[in-house]
Amino acid sequence: MKPTNLPTRWQSAQPALRAVQVAFDVSEAVIQAVRRAAFDANLSNSDQIRVVLDLPVIRQAKRPRLTVSLSPEDYQLLGKRYRLDPADHLAIKERVNAELIAFAEAQTTTHTARKGAKR
């Protein structure tokens, strides 16, 4: 590969540019075990694999966020659900955000109630 002069803002990403993503075809049980361990350790699946392989894990500060890919059809459905213009992606995003927060609160309440019932 030819050496090139990268813009200053990209130079810190240069090591990542040399990395190669590797996919593993494994059983569902292996996938679930890695995901569960990653979740419990608050790591990404990739970082959990690095832990298993005793490779260094670079813990960068990450914004806590969830992502989902939405198609134009999804925006149509969500617009209808929330009675919003499907083209108003920001308003839809705000409503989805509120729904996710309500979901999390309900999960926490349900989990806490179940815990109390076991005592």
N, C-alpha and C. Protein backbone atom coordinates (compact mmCIF):
# COMPACT_ATOMS: atom_id res chain seq x y z
N MET A 1 0.85 -1.17 0.00
CA MET A 1 0.00 0.00 0.00
C MET A 1 0.89 1.23 0.00
N LYS A 2 0.57 2.20 -0.85
CA LYS A 2 1.36 3.42 -0.94
C LYS A 2 1.15 4.29 0.28
N PRO A 3 2.24 4.87 0.80
CA PRO A 3 2.03 5.81 1.91
C PRO A 3 1.38 7.07 1.37
N THR A 4 0.38 7.54 2.08
CA THR A 4 -0.30 8.77 1.68
C THR A 4 -0.35 9.71 2.87
N ASN A 5 -0.47 10.97 2.57
CA ASN A 5 -0.60 11.97 3.63
C ASN A 5 -2.07 12.10 3.98
N LEU A 6 -2.40 11.62 5.15
CA LEU A 6 -3.77 11.70 5.63
C LEU A 6 -4.02 13.07 6.25
N PRO A 7 -5.25 13.57 6.12
CA PRO A 7 -5.57 14.80 6.84
C PRO A 7 -5.35 14.60 8.33
N THR A 8 -5.00 15.64 9.03
CA THR A 8 -4.69 15.57 10.46
C THR A 8 -5.81 14.89 11.24
N ARG A 9 -7.04 15.24 10.95
CA ARG A 9 -8.17 14.69 11.72
C ARG A 9 -8.35 13.19 11.51
N TRP A 10 -7.75 12.63 10.45
CA TRP A 10 -7.88 11.19 10.18
C TRP A 10 -6.69 10.40 10.70
N GLN A 11 -5.61 11.07 11.08
CA GLN A 11 -4.39 10.36 11.44
C GLN A 11 -4.56 9.45 12.65
N SER A 12 -5.40 9.84 13.60
CA SER A 12 -5.61 8.99 14.78
C SER A 12 -6.33 7.70 14.41
N ALA A 13 -7.03 7.69 13.29
CA ALA A 13 -7.75 6.49 12.85
C ALA A 13 -6.89 5.59 11.97
N GLN A 14 -5.67 6.00 11.68
CA GLN A 14 -4.82 5.25 10.76
C GLN A 14 -4.64 3.78 11.16
N PRO A 15 -4.39 3.45 12.44
CA PRO A 15 -4.27 2.02 12.79
C PRO A 15 -5.53 1.23 12.45
N ALA A 16 -6.69 1.83 12.64
CA ALA A 16 -7.94 1.13 12.35
C ALA A 16 -8.10 0.89 10.85
N LEU A 17 -7.50 1.76 10.05
CA LEU A 17 -7.59 1.58 8.60
C LEU A 17 -6.87 0.32 8.16
N ARG A 18 -5.92 -0.13 8.93
CA ARG A 18 -5.16 -1.34 8.59
C ARG A 18 -5.83 -2.60 9.13
N ALA A 19 -6.77 -2.46 10.03
CA ALA A 19 -7.44 -3.62 10.63
C ALA A 19 -8.36 -4.27 9.60
N VAL A 20 -8.55 -5.57 9.76
CA VAL A 20 -9.41 -6.33 8.87
C VAL A 20 -10.50 -6.97 9.72
N GLN A 21 -11.75 -6.79 9.31
CA GLN A 21 -12.84 -7.41 10.05
C GLN A 21 -12.93 -8.88 9.66
N VAL A 22 -13.07 -9.74 10.64
CA VAL A 22 -13.15 -11.18 10.42
C VAL A 22 -14.48 -11.68 10.97
N ALA A 23 -15.19 -12.46 10.16
CA ALA A 23 -16.48 -13.03 10.59
C ALA A 23 -16.29 -14.50 10.93
N PHE A 24 -17.04 -14.98 11.92
CA PHE A 24 -16.94 -16.37 12.35
C PHE A 24 -18.31 -17.03 12.21
N ASP A 25 -18.34 -18.18 11.56
CA ASP A 25 -19.56 -18.97 11.47
C ASP A 25 -19.56 -19.96 12.62
N VAL A 26 -20.36 -19.65 13.64
CA VAL A 26 -20.41 -20.48 14.84
C VAL A 26 -21.87 -20.77 15.17
N SER A 27 -22.08 -21.64 16.12
CA SER A 27 -23.44 -22.01 16.50
C SER A 27 -24.14 -20.85 17.22
N GLU A 28 -25.43 -20.95 17.27
CA GLU A 28 -26.25 -19.96 17.98
C GLU A 28 -25.86 -19.90 19.45
N ALA A 29 -25.50 -21.04 20.03
CA ALA A 29 -25.11 -21.08 21.45
C ALA A 29 -23.85 -20.26 21.68
N VAL A 30 -22.90 -20.33 20.77
CA VAL A 30 -21.66 -19.56 20.90
C VAL A 30 -21.97 -18.07 20.76
N ILE A 31 -22.79 -17.73 19.79
CA ILE A 31 -23.17 -16.32 19.59
C ILE A 31 -23.84 -15.77 20.84
N GLN A 32 -24.79 -16.53 21.40
CA GLN A 32 -25.51 -16.07 22.59
C GLN A 32 -24.57 -15.94 23.79
N ALA A 33 -23.63 -16.86 23.93
CA ALA A 33 -22.68 -16.79 25.05
C ALA A 33 -21.81 -15.54 24.94
N VAL A 34 -21.35 -15.24 23.74
CA VAL A 34 -20.52 -14.04 23.55
C VAL A 34 -21.36 -12.79 23.80
N ARG A 35 -22.56 -12.75 23.26
CA ARG A 35 -23.44 -11.58 23.46
C ARG A 35 -23.76 -11.37 24.94
N ARG A 36 -24.06 -12.46 25.64
CA ARG A 36 -24.41 -12.36 27.06
C ARG A 36 -23.22 -11.84 27.87
N ALA A 37 -22.03 -12.39 27.60
CA ALA A 37 -20.83 -11.94 28.31
C ALA A 37 -20.53 -10.49 27.99
N ALA A 38 -20.71 -10.10 26.73
CA ALA A 38 -20.47 -8.71 26.32
C ALA A 38 -21.44 -7.78 27.04
N PHE A 39 -22.71 -8.18 27.08
CA PHE A 39 -23.71 -7.37 27.76
C PHE A 39 -23.37 -7.22 29.24
N ASP A 40 -23.04 -8.33 29.89
CA ASP A 40 -22.72 -8.29 31.31
C ASP A 40 -21.51 -7.43 31.61
N ALA A 41 -20.55 -7.38 30.68
CA ALA A 41 -19.33 -6.59 30.87
C ALA A 41 -19.44 -5.20 30.26
N ASN A 42 -20.61 -4.87 29.71
CA ASN A 42 -20.84 -3.58 29.05
C ASN A 42 -19.82 -3.36 27.93
N LEU A 43 -19.62 -4.39 27.13
CA LEU A 43 -18.69 -4.34 26.01
C LEU A 43 -19.46 -4.59 24.71
N SER A 44 -18.85 -4.21 23.60
CA SER A 44 -19.40 -4.60 22.31
C SER A 44 -19.07 -6.07 22.10
N ASN A 45 -19.76 -6.70 21.17
CA ASN A 45 -19.45 -8.10 20.88
C ASN A 45 -18.01 -8.24 20.41
N SER A 46 -17.55 -7.31 19.59
CA SER A 46 -16.16 -7.35 19.10
C SER A 46 -15.17 -7.25 20.24
N ASP A 47 -15.42 -6.34 21.18
CA ASP A 47 -14.51 -6.21 22.32
C ASP A 47 -14.53 -7.47 23.19
N GLN A 48 -15.69 -8.10 23.33
CA GLN A 48 -15.77 -9.34 24.11
C GLN A 48 -14.94 -10.44 23.45
N ILE A 49 -14.98 -10.52 22.13
CA ILE A 49 -14.16 -11.51 21.42
C ILE A 49 -12.69 -11.22 21.68
N ARG A 50 -12.31 -9.95 21.68
CA ARG A 50 -10.92 -9.58 21.95
C ARG A 50 -10.53 -10.01 23.37
N VAL A 51 -11.45 -9.88 24.33
CA VAL A 51 -11.18 -10.32 25.71
C VAL A 51 -10.94 -11.83 25.73
N VAL A 52 -11.81 -12.58 25.06
CA VAL A 52 -11.68 -14.04 25.01
C VAL A 52 -10.32 -14.44 24.41
N LEU A 53 -9.87 -13.68 23.41
CA LEU A 53 -8.61 -13.99 22.73
C LEU A 53 -7.39 -13.35 23.39
N ASP A 54 -7.60 -12.71 24.55
CA ASP A 54 -6.52 -12.01 25.26
C ASP A 54 -5.83 -10.96 24.39
N LEU A 55 -6.62 -10.28 23.57
CA LEU A 55 -6.10 -9.17 22.76
C LEU A 55 -6.42 -7.87 23.48
N PRO A 56 -5.64 -6.82 23.25
CA PRO A 56 -5.93 -5.55 23.92
C PRO A 56 -7.29 -4.99 23.50
N VAL A 57 -7.96 -4.42 24.47
CA VAL A 57 -9.25 -3.76 24.23
C VAL A 57 -9.06 -2.29 24.51
N ILE A 58 -9.29 -1.48 23.51
CA ILE A 58 -9.16 -0.04 23.67
C ILE A 58 -10.52 0.50 24.06
N ARG A 59 -10.65 0.90 25.32
CA ARG A 59 -11.93 1.41 25.82
C ARG A 59 -12.02 2.90 25.52
N GLN A 60 -12.66 3.22 24.44
CA GLN A 60 -12.88 4.62 24.10
C GLN A 60 -14.21 5.06 24.69
N ALA A 61 -14.26 6.32 25.07
CA ALA A 61 -15.52 6.85 25.57
C ALA A 61 -16.53 6.80 24.43
N LYS A 62 -17.64 6.15 24.68
CA LYS A 62 -18.67 6.04 23.65
C LYS A 62 -19.94 6.66 24.17
N ARG A 63 -20.64 7.32 23.25
CA ARG A 63 -21.95 7.83 23.64
C ARG A 63 -22.88 6.64 23.78
N PRO A 64 -23.60 6.57 24.89
CA PRO A 64 -24.55 5.46 25.02
C PRO A 64 -25.71 5.69 24.05
N ARG A 65 -25.82 4.82 23.08
CA ARG A 65 -26.91 4.99 22.12
C ARG A 65 -27.28 3.65 21.51
N LEU A 66 -28.48 3.59 21.02
CA LEU A 66 -28.98 2.45 20.27
C LEU A 66 -29.16 2.88 18.83
N THR A 67 -29.02 1.96 17.93
CA THR A 67 -29.23 2.30 16.52
C THR A 67 -30.19 1.30 15.89
N VAL A 68 -30.89 1.76 14.89
CA VAL A 68 -31.76 0.91 14.09
C VAL A 68 -31.79 1.51 12.68
N SER A 69 -31.86 0.67 11.68
CA SER A 69 -31.98 1.14 10.30
C SER A 69 -33.46 1.22 9.96
N LEU A 70 -33.88 2.37 9.47
CA LEU A 70 -35.28 2.56 9.11
C LEU A 70 -35.39 2.83 7.61
N SER A 71 -36.23 2.06 6.95
CA SER A 71 -36.46 2.22 5.52
C SER A 71 -37.55 3.28 5.31
N PRO A 72 -37.72 3.74 4.08
CA PRO A 72 -38.84 4.67 3.82
C PRO A 72 -40.19 4.06 4.24
N GLU A 73 -40.33 2.74 4.07
CA GLU A 73 -41.57 2.08 4.48
C GLU A 73 -41.74 2.13 6.00
N ASP A 74 -40.62 1.98 6.72
CA ASP A 74 -40.67 2.08 8.18
C ASP A 74 -41.14 3.46 8.61
N TYR A 75 -40.63 4.50 7.94
CA TYR A 75 -41.06 5.86 8.26
C TYR A 75 -42.55 6.04 7.97
N GLN A 76 -43.04 5.39 6.92
CA GLN A 76 -44.47 5.45 6.62
C GLN A 76 -45.27 4.85 7.78
N LEU A 77 -44.84 3.67 8.22
CA LEU A 77 -45.54 2.99 9.32
C LEU A 77 -45.46 3.78 10.63
N LEU A 78 -44.27 4.31 10.92
CA LEU A 78 -44.12 5.08 12.16
C LEU A 78 -44.88 6.40 12.09
N GLY A 79 -44.88 7.03 10.91
CA GLY A 79 -45.66 8.25 10.75
C GLY A 79 -47.13 8.00 11.03
N LYS A 80 -47.64 6.89 10.51
CA LYS A 80 -49.04 6.52 10.75
C LYS A 80 -49.25 6.22 12.23
N ARG A 81 -48.34 5.47 12.84
CA ARG A 81 -48.45 5.10 14.25
C ARG A 81 -48.52 6.33 15.15
N TYR A 82 -47.65 7.31 14.87
CA TYR A 82 -47.56 8.49 15.72
C TYR A 82 -48.38 9.67 15.19
N ARG A 83 -49.11 9.44 14.11
CA ARG A 83 -49.90 10.51 13.47
C ARG A 83 -49.01 11.71 13.13
N LEU A 84 -47.89 11.40 12.47
CA LEU A 84 -46.93 12.42 12.05
C LEU A 84 -46.69 12.27 10.56
N ASP A 85 -46.18 13.33 9.95
CA ASP A 85 -45.77 13.27 8.55
C ASP A 85 -44.58 12.32 8.45
N PRO A 86 -44.66 11.29 7.62
CA PRO A 86 -43.55 10.34 7.49
C PRO A 86 -42.23 11.00 7.07
N ALA A 87 -42.31 12.16 6.48
CA ALA A 87 -41.09 12.88 6.07
C ALA A 87 -40.45 13.63 7.24
N ASP A 88 -41.17 13.75 8.35
CA ASP A 88 -40.64 14.47 9.51
C ASP A 88 -39.83 13.50 10.37
N HIS A 89 -38.65 13.15 9.87
CA HIS A 89 -37.81 12.15 10.54
C HIS A 89 -37.41 12.55 11.95
N LEU A 90 -37.18 13.83 12.18
CA LEU A 90 -36.78 14.27 13.52
C LEU A 90 -37.91 14.05 14.52
N ALA A 91 -39.13 14.42 14.15
CA ALA A 91 -40.27 14.22 15.06
C ALA A 91 -40.49 12.73 15.33
N ILE A 92 -40.34 11.92 14.30
CA ILE A 92 -40.48 10.47 14.48
C ILE A 92 -39.38 9.95 15.40
N LYS A 93 -38.16 10.44 15.20
CA LYS A 93 -37.04 10.02 16.06
C LYS A 93 -37.33 10.37 17.51
N GLU A 94 -37.88 11.56 17.76
CA GLU A 94 -38.20 11.97 19.13
C GLU A 94 -39.26 11.06 19.74
N ARG A 95 -40.25 10.68 18.95
CA ARG A 95 -41.31 9.80 19.47
C ARG A 95 -40.77 8.39 19.74
N VAL A 96 -39.90 7.90 18.84
CA VAL A 96 -39.29 6.59 19.06
C VAL A 96 -38.44 6.62 20.32
N ASN A 97 -37.68 7.71 20.49
CA ASN A 97 -36.85 7.86 21.68
C ASN A 97 -37.71 7.79 22.95
N ALA A 98 -38.83 8.50 22.94
CA ALA A 98 -39.73 8.49 24.10
C ALA A 98 -40.30 7.09 24.33
N GLU A 99 -40.61 6.38 23.25
CA GLU A 99 -41.16 5.03 23.39
C GLU A 99 -40.11 4.07 23.95
N LEU A 100 -38.86 4.24 23.53
CA LEU A 100 -37.79 3.39 24.07
C LEU A 100 -37.57 3.65 25.55
N ILE A 101 -37.65 4.92 25.96
CA ILE A 101 -37.50 5.26 27.37
C ILE A 101 -38.64 4.64 28.18
N ALA A 102 -39.87 4.73 27.67
CA ALA A 102 -41.01 4.13 28.36
C ALA A 102 -40.85 2.61 28.44
N PHE A 103 -40.35 2.01 27.37
CA PHE A 103 -40.09 0.56 27.37
C PHE A 103 -39.09 0.19 28.46
N ALA A 104 -38.01 0.94 28.54
CA ALA A 104 -36.97 0.66 29.54
C ALA A 104 -37.51 0.81 30.96
N GLU A 105 -38.31 1.85 31.17
CA GLU A 105 -38.89 2.06 32.50
C GLU A 105 -39.83 0.92 32.86
N ALA A 106 -40.61 0.45 31.90
CA ALA A 106 -41.52 -0.67 32.15
C ALA A 106 -40.74 -1.95 32.44
N GLN A 107 -39.64 -2.15 31.72
CA GLN A 107 -38.80 -3.33 31.96
C GLN A 107 -38.20 -3.28 33.35
N THR A 108 -37.74 -2.11 33.76
CA THR A 108 -37.14 -1.95 35.09
C THR A 108 -38.18 -2.22 36.17
N THR A 109 -39.38 -1.68 35.98
CA THR A 109 -40.47 -1.88 36.94
C THR A 109 -40.84 -3.36 37.02
N THR A 110 -40.97 -4.01 35.88
CA THR A 110 -41.32 -5.43 35.84
C THR A 110 -40.23 -6.26 36.49
N HIS A 111 -38.97 -5.95 36.18
CA HIS A 111 -37.84 -6.69 36.75
C HIS A 111 -37.79 -6.52 38.27
N THR A 112 -38.02 -5.30 38.74
CA THR A 112 -38.01 -5.02 40.18
C THR A 112 -39.16 -5.74 40.87
N ALA A 113 -40.34 -5.75 40.25
CA ALA A 113 -41.50 -6.42 40.84
C ALA A 113 -41.26 -7.92 40.94
N ARG A 114 -40.66 -8.50 39.91
CA ARG A 114 -40.37 -9.94 39.94
C ARG A 114 -39.36 -10.27 41.03
N LYS A 115 -38.37 -9.41 41.18
CA LYS A 115 -37.34 -9.62 42.20
C LYS A 115 -37.97 -9.62 43.59
N GLY A 116 -38.88 -8.66 43.83
CA GLY A 116 -39.54 -8.56 45.13
C GLY A 116 -40.44 -9.75 45.41
N ALA A 117 -41.04 -10.33 44.37
CA ALA A 117 -41.95 -11.46 44.53
C ALA A 117 -41.20 -12.73 44.94
N LYS A 118 -39.91 -12.82 44.61
CA LYS A 118 -39.13 -14.02 44.93
C LYS A 118 -38.71 -14.07 46.38
N ARG A 119 -38.79 -12.98 47.08
CA ARG A 119 -38.33 -12.93 48.48
C ARG A 119 -39.23 -13.66 49.40
